[in-house]
Protein backbone atom coordinates (compact mmCIF):
# COMPACT_ATOMS: atom_id res chain seq x y z
CA MET A 1 175.39 141.43 -1.76
CA LYS A 2 173.79 144.62 -0.57
CA TYR A 3 176.66 146.65 1.84
CA SER A 4 176.56 149.79 0.99
CA SER A 5 179.18 150.64 3.37
CA LEU A 6 181.82 148.87 1.99
CA LEU A 7 181.87 150.93 -1.06
CA LEU A 8 182.46 153.99 0.28
CA MET A 9 186.68 154.95 0.84
CA ILE A 10 189.46 157.36 -0.81
CA TYR A 11 191.65 160.25 1.74
CA SER A 12 195.40 160.81 3.17
CA LEU A 13 197.76 163.25 4.79
CA PHE A 14 200.98 165.09 4.18
CA LEU A 15 203.99 164.35 5.90
CA GLY A 16 206.52 166.90 7.23
CA LEU A 17 203.97 170.19 6.61
CA LYS A 18 203.81 172.27 9.75
CA CYS A 19 200.37 173.82 10.66
CA SER A 20 199.52 176.91 10.20
CA LYS A 21 198.47 178.12 13.51
CA SER A 22 195.92 181.19 14.08
CA ASN A 23 196.43 183.60 17.16
CA LEU A 24 193.14 185.10 15.72
CA SER A 25 189.95 184.36 18.06
CA VAL A 26 186.85 182.97 16.92
CA PRO A 27 183.89 185.96 16.45
CA PRO A 28 181.36 185.07 18.71
CA ILE A 29 178.27 183.45 17.73
CA ASN A 30 175.37 185.46 17.40
CA VAL A 31 171.85 183.80 17.53
CA ASP A 32 170.12 186.27 15.44
CA THR A 33 172.82 185.56 12.18
CA LEU A 34 174.08 182.70 10.31
CA ILE A 35 177.61 182.58 10.55
CA THR A 36 179.02 181.37 6.89
CA ASN A 37 182.75 182.27 7.53
CA LEU A 38 185.11 181.13 10.73
CA LYS A 39 188.85 181.57 10.73
CA PRO A 40 190.23 178.44 11.48
CA ILE A 41 192.21 177.95 14.89
CA TRP A 42 194.41 175.54 12.99
CA ALA A 43 195.11 173.62 9.53
CA MET A 44 197.04 170.71 7.90
CA ALA A 45 197.76 170.08 4.15
CA THR A 46 196.50 166.49 3.95
CA THR A 47 198.77 165.49 0.80
CA ASN A 48 202.49 166.41 -0.23
CA ASP A 49 201.29 165.99 -4.19
CA LYS A 50 198.79 166.15 -5.51
CA THR A 51 196.42 163.15 -4.59
CA TRP A 52 192.75 163.77 -3.45
CA ASN A 53 192.21 162.84 0.18
CA ASP A 54 188.54 163.07 1.13
CA GLY A 55 188.51 162.27 4.66
CA PHE A 56 186.37 159.36 4.75
CA ASP A 57 189.12 157.15 4.95
CA ILE A 58 187.64 157.15 8.71
CA ALA A 59 184.01 157.84 8.61
CA GLU A 60 183.36 157.14 12.57
CA PRO A 61 185.96 159.97 14.05
CA VAL A 62 188.40 157.91 16.00
CA ILE A 63 188.84 160.25 19.37
CA ALA A 64 191.36 159.48 22.60
CA GLY A 65 191.32 162.09 25.06
CA GLN A 66 192.47 165.56 23.35
CA ASN A 67 193.74 163.40 20.14
CA ILE A 68 191.97 162.81 17.09
CA LEU A 69 193.22 160.09 14.31
CA VAL A 70 193.53 161.56 10.52
CA SER A 71 194.08 160.01 7.87
CA THR A 72 196.51 161.38 5.05
CA VAL A 73 198.27 160.87 1.91
CA PHE A 74 203.00 161.26 1.71
CA ASN A 75 203.75 160.32 -1.87
CA LYS A 76 200.89 158.38 -3.12
CA PHE A 77 200.37 155.94 0.31
CA GLN A 78 198.04 156.59 2.92
CA VAL A 79 199.01 157.29 6.03
CA PHE A 80 197.21 157.50 9.70
CA LYS A 81 198.25 160.07 11.54
CA MET A 82 197.17 161.00 15.55
CA LEU A 83 197.43 164.93 16.27
CA ASN A 84 196.23 166.89 19.27
CA ALA A 85 193.37 168.88 18.67
CA GLN A 86 194.31 171.42 20.44
CA ASN A 87 196.84 172.60 18.25
CA GLY A 88 197.35 169.94 15.61
CA ASN A 89 200.87 168.71 17.15
CA GLU A 90 201.81 165.19 15.10
CA ILE A 91 201.86 162.73 18.39
CA TRP A 92 202.55 159.72 15.84
CA GLN A 93 202.10 158.62 12.69
CA TRP A 94 200.80 154.56 11.40
CA GLN A 95 200.83 152.77 7.73
CA ASP A 96 201.93 149.48 9.56
CA PHE A 97 199.59 147.87 6.55
CA PHE A 98 199.90 144.34 5.42
CA ARG A 99 199.20 145.98 1.77
CA LYS A 100 201.26 148.76 0.82
CA LEU A 101 198.68 150.07 -1.59
CA ASN A 102 198.92 153.10 -3.44
CA TYR A 103 196.23 156.19 -3.20
CA ASP A 104 195.56 156.00 -6.92
CA SER A 105 194.11 152.66 -6.95
CA ALA A 106 192.65 151.86 -3.43
CA ASN A 107 193.14 152.39 0.52
CA TYR A 108 192.40 151.66 3.67
CA MET A 109 189.40 152.52 5.70
CA ILE A 110 188.00 152.33 9.13
CA ARG A 111 184.62 152.72 9.75
CA PHE A 112 183.06 151.38 12.61
CA PRO A 113 186.28 150.58 15.22
CA TYR A 114 185.89 149.26 18.65
CA LEU A 115 187.98 151.27 21.15
CA LYS A 116 189.26 150.14 24.77
CA ASP A 117 191.91 150.72 27.03
CA HIS A 118 193.32 153.59 24.90
CA LYS A 119 193.50 150.78 21.82
CA MET A 120 191.90 150.14 18.68
CA ILE A 121 190.38 147.95 16.61
CA TRP A 122 189.28 147.52 13.21
CA SER A 123 188.85 144.85 10.03
CA SER A 124 189.51 145.93 6.20
CA PHE A 125 188.08 143.21 4.38
CA LYS A 126 190.87 140.40 4.97
CA GLU A 127 192.76 142.33 7.25
CA ILE A 128 191.95 142.90 11.19
CA TYR A 129 194.21 145.64 13.47
CA TYR A 130 195.03 146.23 16.66
CA ILE A 131 196.90 149.54 17.62
CA ASP A 132 198.02 151.37 20.65
CA LEU A 133 195.98 154.82 20.66
CA THR A 134 199.10 156.07 22.90
CA ASN A 135 202.17 155.64 20.48
CA GLY A 136 200.55 154.39 17.52
CA ASN A 137 202.41 150.89 18.16
CA THR A 138 200.52 147.76 16.31
CA VAL A 139 200.04 145.35 19.28
CA TRP A 140 198.77 142.52 16.31
CA LYS A 141 197.72 142.55 13.02
CA ASN A 142 195.64 139.51 11.34
CA LEU A 143 195.63 138.67 8.00
CA THR A 144 193.37 135.96 6.98
CA THR A 145 191.72 133.65 3.80
CA ASN A 146 188.37 135.31 4.81
CA LYS A 147 186.88 138.23 3.98
CA PHE A 148 185.14 140.31 6.53
CA GLY A 149 182.72 143.50 6.88
CA PHE A 150 184.31 146.95 8.13
CA GLN A 151 181.80 146.50 11.40
CA CYS A 152 184.52 145.74 14.25
CA LYS A 153 182.23 146.95 17.80
CA GLY A 154 182.49 144.92 20.80
CA ILE A 155 182.79 145.02 24.82
CA GLY A 156 184.90 144.09 27.26
CA ASN A 157 188.23 142.27 26.07
CA SER A 158 185.91 140.40 23.61
CA PHE A 159 185.04 142.22 19.74
CA PHE A 160 182.68 140.66 16.82
CA ILE A 161 182.91 140.98 12.88
CA GLU A 162 180.71 139.56 10.51
CA LEU A 163 182.04 137.17 8.07
CA LEU A 164 181.19 138.03 4.29
CA ASN A 165 182.63 134.37 2.83
CA ALA A 166 184.30 131.71 3.91
CA GLY A 167 186.68 129.89 1.96
CA ASP A 168 185.05 127.01 1.45
CA GLY A 169 182.24 128.86 0.11
CA LYS A 170 179.74 127.18 3.57
CA ALA A 171 179.13 129.91 4.63
CA LEU A 172 177.32 131.62 1.05
CA GLN A 173 174.93 128.54 2.34
CA THR A 174 173.89 129.90 5.65
CA GLY A 175 174.18 133.33 5.24
CA MET A 176 176.84 135.81 6.73
CA GLN A 177 177.88 134.75 9.89
CA LEU A 178 179.30 136.64 13.23
CA PHE A 179 182.26 135.93 14.88
CA ARG A 180 183.72 136.56 18.39
CA GLY A 181 187.41 137.99 19.27
CA ASN A 182 188.93 138.15 21.87
CA LEU A 183 191.91 141.22 22.10
CA ASN A 184 194.68 139.49 23.74
CA SER A 185 194.80 137.56 20.23
CA PRO A 186 193.95 137.55 16.60
CA ASN A 187 192.71 134.32 16.60
CA LEU A 188 188.59 134.01 16.11
CA GLN A 189 186.05 131.85 17.09
CA TYR A 190 182.53 131.52 15.03
CA LEU A 191 179.06 132.83 17.67
CA LEU A 192 176.41 133.03 15.50
CA THR A 193 174.01 132.57 12.55
CA PRO A 194 170.68 134.81 12.26
CA LYS A 195 167.74 133.70 11.87
CA TYR A 196 167.09 134.54 8.35
CA ASP A 197 164.23 134.11 6.44
CA THR A 198 164.05 132.81 2.97
CA THR A 199 160.11 132.39 2.58
CA ASN A 200 159.20 133.68 -1.16
CA SER A 201 163.02 134.57 -1.82
CA THR A 202 163.83 135.31 -5.47
CA PRO A 203 165.87 131.54 -6.75
CA ASN A 204 169.56 131.42 -6.88
CA SER A 205 170.63 133.33 -4.64
CA GLU A 206 174.69 133.37 -3.46
CA GLN A 207 173.25 132.83 0.51
CA ASN A 208 170.46 133.47 3.01
CA GLY A 209 171.22 136.43 4.53
CA SER A 210 173.87 139.57 5.62
CA ILE A 211 174.59 141.01 8.76
CA LEU A 212 173.96 144.40 8.61
CA GLY A 213 175.42 145.62 12.05
CA ASN A 214 175.69 144.54 15.53
CA ALA A 215 175.69 146.99 19.62
CA PRO A 216 177.12 144.79 22.78
CA TYR A 217 175.52 146.14 26.04
CA ILE A 218 175.44 145.30 29.39
CA ASN A 219 171.51 144.49 30.35
CA SER A 220 169.58 145.41 34.26
CA SER A 221 170.43 141.93 35.14
CA GLY A 222 174.04 142.76 34.37
CA ASP A 223 173.63 139.87 31.08
CA THR A 224 176.29 140.44 28.14
CA MET A 225 174.04 140.77 25.39
CA LEU A 226 174.20 141.80 21.35
CA VAL A 227 171.96 143.58 19.27
CA VAL A 228 172.60 141.63 15.83
CA SER A 229 170.88 143.44 12.75
CA TYR A 230 170.78 141.98 9.37
CA SER A 231 168.63 141.32 6.00
CA ASP A 232 167.48 138.13 4.14
CA GLN A 233 169.25 138.12 1.33
CA PRO A 234 168.13 137.65 -1.78
CA VAL A 235 164.92 140.27 -1.35
CA THR A 236 161.55 138.99 -2.16
CA LYS A 237 160.29 138.23 -5.38
CA ASP A 238 159.27 141.86 -5.36
CA TYR A 239 162.69 143.49 -4.90
CA LEU A 240 162.47 144.34 -1.71
CA PHE A 241 164.53 143.76 1.36
CA ARG A 242 163.12 142.18 4.40
CA ASP A 243 165.39 143.73 7.56
CA ALA A 244 164.82 142.31 10.87
CA PHE A 245 166.76 142.40 14.68
CA GLY A 246 167.73 139.79 16.89
CA VAL A 247 168.63 140.33 20.32
CA TYR A 248 171.48 137.16 21.82
CA ASN A 249 172.79 136.46 25.25
CA LEU A 250 176.35 136.11 25.95
CA SER A 251 176.40 135.25 29.10
CA LYS A 252 174.35 132.37 29.02
CA ASN A 253 174.85 131.67 25.27
CA LYS A 254 171.08 131.77 23.90
CA TRP A 255 168.87 133.89 22.05
CA GLN A 256 166.42 135.84 23.59
CA ILE A 257 164.91 137.31 20.65
CA GLU A 258 165.31 136.00 17.87
CA ARG A 259 163.50 137.85 14.73
CA VAL A 260 161.78 141.10 14.87
CA LEU A 261 160.71 142.59 11.91
CA ILE A 262 162.27 146.28 11.18
CA GLY A 263 159.10 147.90 9.35
CA LEU A 264 157.82 146.51 5.64
CA PRO A 265 160.16 145.88 3.27
CA THR A 266 161.62 148.24 0.94
CA VAL A 267 163.74 148.74 -1.66
CA THR A 268 166.65 149.33 0.03
CA GLY A 269 166.92 148.03 3.49
CA ILE A 270 168.77 148.89 6.56
CA ASP A 271 172.31 150.21 7.28
CA TYR A 272 174.58 151.45 9.50
CA THR A 273 174.84 149.81 13.27
CA PRO A 274 172.23 149.45 15.44
CA ILE A 275 172.13 152.50 18.80
CA VAL A 276 171.04 151.02 22.22
CA LYS A 277 170.45 153.66 24.93
CA ASN A 278 167.61 153.13 27.59
CA GLY A 279 166.44 149.93 27.03
CA LYS A 280 165.94 150.85 23.58
CA VAL A 281 167.16 149.82 20.34
CA PHE A 282 167.17 152.26 17.55
CA HIS A 283 167.56 151.91 13.49
CA CYS A 284 166.65 153.63 10.54
CA LYS A 285 166.16 153.05 6.83
CA THR A 286 164.63 154.55 3.97
CA GLY A 287 162.04 156.51 5.46
CA LEU A 288 162.01 155.17 8.30
CA VAL A 289 162.97 155.55 11.78
CA THR A 290 162.20 152.55 14.53
CA CYS A 291 162.20 152.42 18.51
CA HIS A 292 162.29 149.27 19.61
CA ASP A 293 161.76 147.98 23.29
CA VAL A 294 165.35 146.20 23.74
CA ASN A 295 164.11 143.11 26.00
CA SER A 296 160.68 142.22 24.65
CA GLY A 297 161.54 142.95 21.01
CA GLU A 298 158.34 145.94 21.18
CA LEU A 299 157.50 148.14 18.70
CA LEU A 300 157.40 151.32 20.64
CA TRP A 301 157.06 153.91 18.08
CA SER A 302 158.04 154.37 13.95
CA TYR A 303 158.73 157.71 12.99
CA ASN A 304 157.33 156.85 9.67
CA GLN A 305 157.97 159.59 6.32
CA ILE A 306 158.01 157.09 3.48
CA GLY A 307 157.56 158.01 0.29
CA HIS A 308 159.41 161.40 2.03
CA ALA A 309 162.94 161.13 3.11
CA ASN A 310 165.82 158.54 2.96
CA PHE A 311 167.59 158.00 6.31
CA LEU A 312 170.36 155.62 4.77
CA PHE A 313 173.39 158.17 4.10
CA SER A 314 172.99 159.85 7.09
CA GLY A 315 172.16 157.22 9.91
CA ILE A 316 171.06 158.70 12.98
CA LEU A 317 172.16 160.49 16.21
CA VAL A 318 170.66 159.58 20.12
CA GLU A 319 171.31 161.69 22.39
CA ASN A 320 169.84 163.74 25.25
CA GLY A 321 166.53 162.65 24.94
CA LYS A 322 166.00 163.50 20.90
CA VAL A 323 166.60 161.21 18.16
CA PHE A 324 168.44 163.23 15.12
CA ALA A 325 167.61 161.86 11.17
CA ASN A 326 168.80 163.69 8.56
CA ALA A 327 167.05 162.96 5.49
CA GLY A 328 168.34 163.17 2.14
CA ASN A 329 165.59 165.29 0.64
CA GLY A 330 167.16 168.09 2.59
CA THR A 331 165.53 168.17 5.54
CA LEU A 332 167.39 167.17 9.78
CA HIS A 333 164.62 165.90 12.05
CA CYS A 334 164.22 165.88 15.56
CA ILE A 335 162.25 162.79 17.22
CA ASP A 336 161.03 162.79 20.88
CA ILE A 337 163.22 159.52 21.82
CA GLN A 338 159.97 158.77 24.14
CA THR A 339 156.82 159.41 21.69
CA GLY A 340 158.68 159.14 18.04
CA ASN A 341 156.76 162.58 17.66
CA ALA A 342 158.74 165.11 15.72
CA LEU A 343 159.70 167.95 17.92
CA TRP A 344 161.32 169.81 14.95
CA GLN A 345 162.24 169.74 11.08
CA THR A 346 164.20 172.11 9.64
CA GLU A 347 166.53 172.60 6.24
CA SER A 348 169.43 170.37 6.27
CA ALA A 349 171.96 169.08 3.14
CA GLY A 350 170.38 166.18 1.61
CA SER A 351 173.37 163.63 3.04
CA CYS A 352 175.59 164.25 5.81
CA SER A 353 179.00 162.93 7.56
CA ASP A 354 178.43 160.76 10.51
CA MET A 355 176.69 163.70 12.93
CA ALA A 356 178.36 164.40 16.10
CA TYR A 357 177.05 166.41 19.92
CA LEU A 358 178.40 168.56 21.72
CA ASN A 359 176.68 171.18 24.14
CA GLY A 360 173.38 171.07 22.71
CA ILE A 361 174.73 171.69 18.77
CA ILE A 362 174.50 168.55 16.89
CA TYR A 363 177.02 169.46 14.00
CA PHE A 364 178.24 167.34 10.23
CA VAL A 365 179.46 168.23 7.34
CA GLY A 366 176.27 168.75 4.41
CA GLY A 367 177.04 165.56 1.54
CA SER A 368 174.92 168.20 -1.13
CA ASP A 369 176.68 171.42 -0.40
CA GLY A 370 180.31 170.80 1.21
CA LEU A 371 178.99 172.98 4.26
CA LEU A 372 180.18 172.55 8.15
CA TYR A 373 176.74 173.11 10.23
CA ALA A 374 175.95 173.84 13.31
CA VAL A 375 172.51 173.05 14.59
CA ASP A 376 170.65 174.14 17.94
CA GLU A 377 169.38 170.55 19.46
CA THR A 378 166.34 172.42 20.98
CA THR A 379 165.08 175.53 18.51
CA GLY A 380 166.64 172.90 15.35
CA LYS A 381 168.11 177.05 13.96
CA THR A 382 170.90 176.73 12.06
CA ILE A 383 173.83 178.16 13.39
CA TRP A 384 176.71 177.67 11.42
CA LYS A 385 177.20 177.02 7.63
CA ILE A 386 180.51 177.50 6.88
CA ILE A 387 182.03 177.63 3.44
CA SER A 388 185.54 176.05 3.13
CA PRO A 389 188.82 178.14 3.20
CA ASP A 390 189.24 175.38 0.05
CA ASP A 391 186.20 176.31 -1.77
CA GLY A 392 186.35 177.41 -5.27
CA LYS A 393 189.98 175.16 -5.63
CA ALA A 394 189.87 172.53 -7.92
CA ILE A 395 192.88 170.94 -8.41
CA ASN A 396 193.05 167.63 -10.78
CA LYS A 397 188.74 168.25 -10.99
CA ILE A 398 189.34 168.29 -7.04
CA SER A 399 186.31 170.41 -4.92
CA GLY A 400 187.93 171.91 -2.20
CA THR A 401 184.67 171.75 -0.20
CA PHE A 402 184.17 169.99 3.27
CA THR A 403 183.99 166.28 2.82
CA ARG A 404 182.61 163.37 4.86
CA PHE A 405 184.07 163.86 7.97
CA CYS A 406 183.13 165.38 11.08
CA ALA A 407 184.96 165.17 14.40
CA VAL A 408 184.23 167.14 17.95
CA VAL A 409 186.73 166.87 20.40
CA PRO A 410 184.88 168.71 23.99
CA GLY A 411 186.66 171.44 25.95
CA ILE A 412 189.20 171.51 28.98
CA ASP A 413 188.59 173.41 31.76
CA GLY A 414 185.69 174.90 30.91
CA ALA A 415 187.14 176.13 27.65
CA LYS A 416 185.14 175.10 24.17
CA GLY A 417 185.38 171.88 22.01
CA ARG A 418 186.96 171.95 18.95
CA ILE A 419 185.77 170.48 15.44
CA VAL A 420 187.99 168.77 12.85
CA THR A 421 186.75 168.17 9.63
CA HIS A 422 188.77 167.96 6.34
CA THR A 423 188.90 168.98 2.47
CA GLY A 424 189.99 167.33 0.31
CA TYR A 425 193.46 169.62 0.36
CA ASN A 426 193.75 170.69 4.16
CA ILE A 427 192.65 169.63 7.37
CA TYR A 428 190.67 172.06 9.46
CA CYS A 429 190.19 172.83 13.12
CA PHE A 430 187.57 175.06 14.51
CA GLU A 431 186.56 175.87 17.98
CA ALA A 432 183.05 174.76 18.93
CA ALA A 433 179.67 177.11 18.79
CA LYS A 434 179.47 176.64 22.21
């Protein structure tokens, strides 16, 4: 079954080490000079032993006001901690897992959580957790016999989670299904199955399709809607993935759009959750970024780099009338949201962490070089390529470069924001470029 994002994991933190804080100011940005070194505002060890923590346990940064959630390791066991982004002080820690997994063999991951009213819900295979972000208390948790994916999107008191397979095997025959839950209860109810197409598919498949993401939103009529992106499974006889999306009206309990193909079949399908903004829905796949009208399913534009780029490993960011797509060939693309035309392209770092946006700057950690990037959204000029303070360390053959975690916390009272990232050894916080 195609579900690459489920395989990405490993991380942790130090219980008892205090943050080391710098009183030195960060040097000002020189627009004509590439900044490669910055002194952190604060730093904190990620572990109290030689266990590696690469930060990707929390792939989509969890930010609650001025606080940021990080994954740490203590005595080889995973511990989530909430830190104040301004000074690095610990607010609370959480370790209320059903299984206390030794970090040498396994760990927990937060991939696509749902945050509402200072609380967060997320899934980890058979487990669902709902915690209070203000104090770290568990509101409720649910251990099931079924296996779920890592996506847990929501709207209002409803959250949506895909079922990987059912204990009785029936879901394998119909394909992955979407379930709906309520934040007030750990119980789940079946919601829908996408309109999978098994035409010309390979024989003897295990299931008819996989749900790859969902995005709830409110339409112009006030109805609660849900975009469901999926892939027919198995692949075609040519071993290509057919990807599509549908739009379900939750207020009326019916499909508004049953099935819209996303590009041509490709050797790898879509990944990452769909993005809905301004009446449009955006997807990325190998060499392709698409924009459809979310009300009609009409293709508005397609940004095609097939054969030259792969956007799957980094996903896309939609901000301020632009789509930013980081490609595996080392190029960052900026696309006009209205026309689909390229505004600029600039040298980048192959794959990257989730991209973040603040005050006209795009931030990310490069997957190929482990540097912290800051890129101007208007010109495409790279302002930062920050080298990790731990670069050159190699305890247990572990690199000291930055890893796949880049969180941006807006500033307060006109001050610059905070950029928080990981190495295998420390969590670092830098002052934003502007």
